[in-house]
Amino acid sequence: ARPSDRLISVGDLVSKGPDSRSVLEWAVKAKNLECVLGNHELRLRRHWRAGTKSAEKSHDEATYRQ
């Protein structure tokens, strides 16, 4: 990648993969990254702020454990 390159995420970085935590750690450190929150991030943020856990989707529990 060149310093002038831009990476744009259109959401859903978390949830269905085996290591959402590492993906988020990578995104925080990434240079020139712009993110749009997807429905997975919005659901996770909503429950994190409320101090609750969601079982809305079968993959949610694995994401919360990370």
PDB file of N, CA and C in Angstrom:
ATOM      1  N   ALA A   1       0.841  -1.187   0.000  1.00  0.00           N
ATOM      2  CA  ALA A   1       0.000   0.000   0.000  1.00  0.00           C
ATOM      3  C   ALA A   1       0.880   1.242   0.000  1.00  0.00           C
ATOM      4  N   ARG A   2       0.420   2.232  -0.697  1.00  0.00           N
ATOM      5  CA  ARG A   2       1.128   3.515  -0.734  1.00  0.00           C
ATOM      6  C   ARG A   2       0.537   4.441   0.318  1.00  0.00           C
ATOM      7  N   PRO A   3       1.315   5.400   0.814  1.00  0.00           N
ATOM      8  CA  PRO A   3       0.790   6.340   1.812  1.00  0.00           C
ATOM      9  C   PRO A   3      -0.450   7.093   1.333  1.00  0.00           C
ATOM     10  N   SER A   4      -0.591   7.264   0.031  1.00  0.00           N
ATOM     11  CA  SER A   4      -1.744   8.003  -0.488  1.00  0.00           C
ATOM     12  C   SER A   4      -2.991   7.128  -0.645  1.00  0.00           C
ATOM     13  N   ASP A   5      -2.865   5.818  -0.444  1.00  0.00           N
ATOM     14  CA  ASP A   5      -4.013   4.920  -0.577  1.00  0.00           C
ATOM     15  C   ASP A   5      -5.009   5.149   0.555  1.00  0.00           C
ATOM     16  N   ARG A   6      -6.290   4.967   0.250  1.00  0.00           N
ATOM     17  CA  ARG A   6      -7.349   5.044   1.255  1.00  0.00           C
ATOM     18  C   ARG A   6      -8.112   3.733   1.255  1.00  0.00           C
ATOM     19  N   LEU A   7      -8.444   3.276   2.438  1.00  0.00           N
ATOM     20  CA  LEU A   7      -9.253   2.072   2.588  1.00  0.00           C
ATOM     21  C   LEU A   7     -10.588   2.497   3.182  1.00  0.00           C
ATOM     22  N   ILE A   8     -11.663   2.087   2.555  1.00  0.00           N
ATOM     23  CA  ILE A   8     -12.992   2.444   3.032  1.00  0.00           C
ATOM     24  C   ILE A   8     -13.751   1.162   3.346  1.00  0.00           C
ATOM     25  N   SER A   9     -14.176   1.034   4.592  1.00  0.00           N
ATOM     26  CA  SER A   9     -14.983  -0.107   5.016  1.00  0.00           C
ATOM     27  C   SER A   9     -16.447   0.315   4.984  1.00  0.00           C
ATOM     28  N   VAL A  10     -17.270  -0.505   4.392  1.00  0.00           N
ATOM     29  CA  VAL A  10     -18.693  -0.178   4.310  1.00  0.00           C
ATOM     30  C   VAL A  10     -19.507  -0.949   5.353  1.00  0.00           C
ATOM     31  N   GLY A  11     -18.850  -1.322   6.438  1.00  0.00           N
ATOM     32  CA  GLY A  11     -19.560  -1.908   7.567  1.00  0.00           C
ATOM     33  C   GLY A  11     -19.397  -3.409   7.696  1.00  0.00           C
ATOM     34  N   ASP A  12     -19.910  -3.892   8.810  1.00  0.00           N
ATOM     35  CA  ASP A  12     -19.905  -5.311   9.157  1.00  0.00           C
ATOM     36  C   ASP A  12     -18.496  -5.886   9.276  1.00  0.00           C
ATOM     37  N   LEU A  13     -17.618  -5.151   9.956  1.00  0.00           N
ATOM     38  CA  LEU A  13     -16.282  -5.670  10.253  1.00  0.00           C
ATOM     39  C   LEU A  13     -16.338  -6.731  11.348  1.00  0.00           C
ATOM     40  N   VAL A  14     -17.352  -6.652  12.200  1.00  0.00           N
ATOM     41  CA  VAL A  14     -17.458  -7.589  13.322  1.00  0.00           C
ATOM     42  C   VAL A  14     -18.626  -8.539  13.127  1.00  0.00           C
ATOM     43  N   SER A  15     -18.568  -9.636  13.815  1.00  0.00           N
ATOM     44  CA  SER A  15     -19.683 -10.537  14.029  1.00  0.00           C
ATOM     45  C   SER A  15     -19.500 -11.930  13.462  1.00  0.00           C
ATOM     46  N   LYS A  16     -19.376 -12.112  12.175  1.00  0.00           N
ATOM     47  CA  LYS A  16     -19.434 -13.464  11.630  1.00  0.00           C
ATOM     48  C   LYS A  16     -18.085 -14.153  11.514  1.00  0.00           C
ATOM     49  N   GLY A  17     -17.004 -13.424  11.601  1.00  0.00           N
ATOM     50  CA  GLY A  17     -15.689 -14.033  11.492  1.00  0.00           C
ATOM     51  C   GLY A  17     -15.240 -14.643  12.806  1.00  0.00           C
ATOM     52  N   PRO A  18     -14.152 -15.392  12.790  1.00  0.00           N
ATOM     53  CA  PRO A  18     -13.686 -16.075  13.993  1.00  0.00           C
ATOM     54  C   PRO A  18     -12.954 -15.167  14.981  1.00  0.00           C
ATOM     55  N   ASP A  19     -12.588 -13.945  14.586  1.00  0.00           N
ATOM     56  CA  ASP A  19     -11.769 -13.109  15.466  1.00  0.00           C
ATOM     57  C   ASP A  19     -12.095 -11.627  15.290  1.00  0.00           C
ATOM     58  N   SER A  20     -13.314 -11.243  15.646  1.00  0.00           N
ATOM     59  CA  SER A  20     -13.751  -9.853  15.501  1.00  0.00           C
ATOM     60  C   SER A  20     -12.868  -8.893  16.291  1.00  0.00           C
ATOM     61  N   ARG A  21     -12.404  -9.328  17.444  1.00  0.00           N
ATOM     62  CA  ARG A  21     -11.563  -8.454  18.265  1.00  0.00           C
ATOM     63  C   ARG A  21     -10.295  -8.049  17.518  1.00  0.00           C
ATOM     64  N   SER A  22      -9.627  -8.999  16.883  1.00  0.00           N
ATOM     65  CA  SER A  22      -8.411  -8.681  16.126  1.00  0.00           C
ATOM     66  C   SER A  22      -8.711  -7.770  14.941  1.00  0.00           C
ATOM     67  N   VAL A  23      -9.851  -7.968  14.322  1.00  0.00           N
ATOM     68  CA  VAL A  23     -10.241  -7.094  13.208  1.00  0.00           C
ATOM     69  C   VAL A  23     -10.399  -5.661  13.707  1.00  0.00           C
ATOM     70  N   LEU A  24     -11.047  -5.485  14.850  1.00  0.00           N
ATOM     71  CA  LEU A  24     -11.218  -4.142  15.402  1.00  0.00           C
ATOM     72  C   LEU A  24      -9.886  -3.531  15.817  1.00  0.00           C
ATOM     73  N   GLU A  25      -9.003  -4.325  16.410  1.00  0.00           N
ATOM     74  CA  GLU A  25      -7.679  -3.817  16.784  1.00  0.00           C
ATOM     75  C   GLU A  25      -6.908  -3.371  15.546  1.00  0.00           C
ATOM     76  N   TRP A  26      -7.004  -4.146  14.470  1.00  0.00           N
ATOM     77  CA  TRP A  26      -6.354  -3.767  13.215  1.00  0.00           C
ATOM     78  C   TRP A  26      -6.944  -2.461  12.681  1.00  0.00           C
ATOM     79  N   ALA A  27      -8.262  -2.329  12.713  1.00  0.00           N
ATOM     80  CA  ALA A  27      -8.924  -1.135  12.181  1.00  0.00           C
ATOM     81  C   ALA A  27      -8.520   0.118  12.951  1.00  0.00           C
ATOM     82  N   VAL A  28      -8.369  -0.005  14.263  1.00  0.00           N
ATOM     83  CA  VAL A  28      -7.968   1.144  15.079  1.00  0.00           C
ATOM     84  C   VAL A  28      -6.563   1.605  14.705  1.00  0.00           C
ATOM     85  N   LYS A  29      -5.680   0.678  14.406  1.00  0.00           N
ATOM     86  CA  LYS A  29      -4.289   1.005  14.072  1.00  0.00           C
ATOM     87  C   LYS A  29      -4.094   1.397  12.610  1.00  0.00           C
ATOM     88  N   ALA A  30      -5.024   1.036  11.754  1.00  0.00           N
ATOM     89  CA  ALA A  30      -4.860   1.246  10.308  1.00  0.00           C
ATOM     90  C   ALA A  30      -4.774   2.731   9.967  1.00  0.00           C
ATOM     91  N   LYS A  31      -3.901   3.038   9.048  1.00  0.00           N
ATOM     92  CA  LYS A  31      -3.768   4.404   8.548  1.00  0.00           C
ATOM     93  C   LYS A  31      -4.705   4.564   7.356  1.00  0.00           C
ATOM     94  N   ASN A  32      -5.215   5.754   7.191  1.00  0.00           N
ATOM     95  CA  ASN A  32      -6.051   6.080   6.030  1.00  0.00           C
ATOM     96  C   ASN A  32      -7.285   5.190   5.905  1.00  0.00           C
ATOM     97  N   LEU A  33      -7.867   4.816   7.038  1.00  0.00           N
ATOM     98  CA  LEU A  33      -9.060   3.976   7.034  1.00  0.00           C
ATOM     99  C   LEU A  33     -10.272   4.823   7.395  1.00  0.00           C
ATOM    100  N   GLU A  34     -11.301   4.712   6.604  1.00  0.00           N
ATOM    101  CA  GLU A  34     -12.574   5.354   6.898  1.00  0.00           C
ATOM    102  C   GLU A  34     -13.612   4.254   7.009  1.00  0.00           C
ATOM    103  N   CYS A  35     -14.462   4.348   8.025  1.00  0.00           N
ATOM    104  CA  CYS A  35     -15.444   3.289   8.258  1.00  0.00           C
ATOM    105  C   CYS A  35     -16.858   3.844   8.314  1.00  0.00           C
ATOM    106  N   VAL A  36     -17.761   3.086   7.772  1.00  0.00           N
ATOM    107  CA  VAL A  36     -19.188   3.311   7.920  1.00  0.00           C
ATOM    108  C   VAL A  36     -19.675   2.175   8.811  1.00  0.00           C
ATOM    109  N   LEU A  37     -20.441   2.503   9.831  1.00  0.00           N
ATOM    110  CA  LEU A  37     -20.953   1.456  10.708  1.00  0.00           C
ATOM    111  C   LEU A  37     -22.027   0.655   9.988  1.00  0.00           C
ATOM    112  N   GLY A  38     -21.890  -0.656  10.038  1.00  0.00           N
ATOM    113  CA  GLY A  38     -22.901  -1.546   9.470  1.00  0.00           C
ATOM    114  C   GLY A  38     -23.889  -1.963  10.543  1.00  0.00           C
ATOM    115  N   ASN A  39     -24.872  -2.729  10.162  1.00  0.00           N
ATOM    116  CA  ASN A  39     -25.878  -3.154  11.127  1.00  0.00           C
ATOM    117  C   ASN A  39     -25.281  -3.998  12.248  1.00  0.00           C
ATOM    118  N   HIS A  40     -24.226  -4.742  11.991  1.00  0.00           N
ATOM    119  CA  HIS A  40     -23.587  -5.553  13.040  1.00  0.00           C
ATOM    120  C   HIS A  40     -22.933  -4.645  14.081  1.00  0.00           C
ATOM    121  N   GLU A  41     -22.194  -3.626  13.634  1.00  0.00           N
ATOM    122  CA  GLU A  41     -21.560  -2.696  14.568  1.00  0.00           C
ATOM    123  C   GLU A  41     -22.605  -1.910  15.349  1.00  0.00           C
ATOM    124  N   LEU A  42     -23.653  -1.487  14.678  1.00  0.00           N
ATOM    125  CA  LEU A  42     -24.702  -0.723  15.355  1.00  0.00           C
ATOM    126  C   LEU A  42     -25.387  -1.557  16.431  1.00  0.00           C
ATOM    127  N   ARG A  43     -25.664  -2.826  16.147  1.00  0.00           N
ATOM    128  CA  ARG A  43     -26.296  -3.704  17.142  1.00  0.00           C
ATOM    129  C   ARG A  43     -25.358  -3.932  18.327  1.00  0.00           C
ATOM    130  N   LEU A  44     -24.094  -4.203  18.049  1.00  0.00           N
ATOM    131  CA  LEU A  44     -23.122  -4.420  19.118  1.00  0.00           C
ATOM    132  C   LEU A  44     -22.978  -3.166  19.977  1.00  0.00           C
ATOM    133  N   ARG A  45     -22.880  -2.002  19.342  1.00  0.00           N
ATOM    134  CA  ARG A  45     -22.749  -0.742  20.082  1.00  0.00           C
ATOM    135  C   ARG A  45     -23.986  -0.476  20.930  1.00  0.00           C
ATOM    136  N   ARG A  46     -25.162  -0.721  20.375  1.00  0.00           N
ATOM    137  CA  ARG A  46     -26.411  -0.484  21.111  1.00  0.00           C
ATOM    138  C   ARG A  46     -26.443  -1.314  22.391  1.00  0.00           C
ATOM    139  N   HIS A  47     -26.096  -2.587  22.309  1.00  0.00           N
ATOM    140  CA  HIS A  47     -26.134  -3.447  23.491  1.00  0.00           C
ATOM    141  C   HIS A  47     -24.979  -3.149  24.443  1.00  0.00           C
ATOM    142  N   TRP A  48     -23.816  -2.776  23.916  1.00  0.00           N
ATOM    143  CA  TRP A  48     -22.682  -2.417  24.776  1.00  0.00           C
ATOM    144  C   TRP A  48     -23.031  -1.191  25.610  1.00  0.00           C
ATOM    145  N   ARG A  49     -23.628  -0.174  24.990  1.00  0.00           N
ATOM    146  CA  ARG A  49     -24.010   1.043  25.711  1.00  0.00           C
ATOM    147  C   ARG A  49     -25.068   0.761  26.771  1.00  0.00           C
ATOM    148  N   ALA A  50     -25.969  -0.164  26.480  1.00  0.00           N
ATOM    149  CA  ALA A  50     -27.045  -0.493  27.417  1.00  0.00           C
ATOM    150  C   ALA A  50     -26.596  -1.483  28.491  1.00  0.00           C
ATOM    151  N   GLY A  51     -25.408  -2.059  28.322  1.00  0.00           N
ATOM    152  CA  GLY A  51     -24.919  -3.047  29.280  1.00  0.00           C
ATOM    153  C   GLY A  51     -25.640  -4.376  29.167  1.00  0.00           C
ATOM    154  N   THR A  52     -26.156  -4.661  27.984  1.00  0.00           N
ATOM    155  CA  THR A  52     -26.888  -5.904  27.764  1.00  0.00           C
ATOM    156  C   THR A  52     -26.187  -6.745  26.707  1.00  0.00           C
ATOM    157  N   LYS A  53     -26.602  -7.973  26.607  1.00  0.00           N
ATOM    158  CA  LYS A  53     -26.124  -8.847  25.539  1.00  0.00           C
ATOM    159  C   LYS A  53     -27.318  -9.224  24.682  1.00  0.00           C
ATOM    160  N   SER A  54     -27.065  -9.402  23.422  1.00  0.00           N
ATOM    161  CA  SER A  54     -28.137  -9.718  22.491  1.00  0.00           C
ATOM    162  C   SER A  54     -28.016 -11.150  22.012  1.00  0.00           C
ATOM    163  N   ALA A  55     -29.132 -11.782  21.870  1.00  0.00           N
ATOM    164  CA  ALA A  55     -29.167 -13.092  21.222  1.00  0.00           C
ATOM    165  C   ALA A  55     -30.005 -12.973  19.954  1.00  0.00           C
ATOM    166  N   GLU A  56     -30.021 -11.761  19.392  1.00  0.00           N
ATOM    167  CA  GLU A  56     -30.806 -11.522  18.180  1.00  0.00           C
ATOM    168  C   GLU A  56     -30.361 -12.431  17.045  1.00  0.00           C
ATOM    169  N   LYS A  57     -29.060 -12.671  16.967  1.00  0.00           N
ATOM    170  CA  LYS A  57     -28.501 -13.487  15.893  1.00  0.00           C
ATOM    171  C   LYS A  57     -27.666 -14.594  16.515  1.00  0.00           C
ATOM    172  N   SER A  58     -27.585 -15.721  15.860  1.00  0.00           N
ATOM    173  CA  SER A  58     -26.876 -16.873  16.419  1.00  0.00           C
ATOM    174  C   SER A  58     -25.389 -16.610  16.628  1.00  0.00           C
ATOM    175  N   HIS A  59     -24.783 -15.719  15.855  1.00  0.00           N
ATOM    176  CA  HIS A  59     -23.350 -15.451  15.979  1.00  0.00           C
ATOM    177  C   HIS A  59     -23.036 -14.365  17.005  1.00  0.00           C
ATOM    178  N   ASP A  60     -24.042 -13.744  17.604  1.00  0.00           N
ATOM    179  CA  ASP A  60     -23.796 -12.663  18.557  1.00  0.00           C
ATOM    180  C   ASP A  60     -22.993 -13.111  19.769  1.00  0.00           C
ATOM    181  N   GLU A  61     -23.305 -14.259  20.327  1.00  0.00           N
ATOM    182  CA  GLU A  61     -22.638 -14.707  21.555  1.00  0.00           C
ATOM    183  C   GLU A  61     -21.135 -14.825  21.365  1.00  0.00           C
ATOM    184  N   ALA A  62     -20.692 -15.366  20.261  1.00  0.00           N
ATOM    185  CA  ALA A  62     -19.250 -15.485  20.000  1.00  0.00           C
ATOM    186  C   ALA A  62     -18.601 -14.113  19.904  1.00  0.00           C
ATOM    187  N   THR A  63     -19.281 -13.164  19.312  1.00  0.00           N
ATOM    188  CA  THR A  63     -18.738 -11.806  19.199  1.00  0.00           C
ATOM    189  C   THR A  63     -18.603 -11.177  20.574  1.00  0.00           C
ATOM    190  N   TYR A  64     -19.606 -11.323  21.441  1.00  0.00           N
ATOM    191  CA  TYR A  64     -19.546 -10.735  22.778  1.00  0.00           C
ATOM    192  C   TYR A  64     -18.430 -11.337  23.619  1.00  0.00           C
ATOM    193  N   ARG A  65     -18.159 -12.627  23.462  1.00  0.00           N
ATOM    194  CA  ARG A  65     -17.081 -13.261  24.228  1.00  0.00           C
ATOM    195  C   ARG A  65     -15.727 -12.670  23.861  1.00  0.00           C
ATOM    196  N   GLN A  66     -15.581 -12.189  22.642  1.00  0.00           N
ATOM    197  CA  GLN A  66     -14.300 -11.633  22.204  1.00  0.00           C
ATOM    198  C   GLN A  66     -14.101 -10.282  22.818  1.00  0.00           C
TER     199      GLN A  66
END
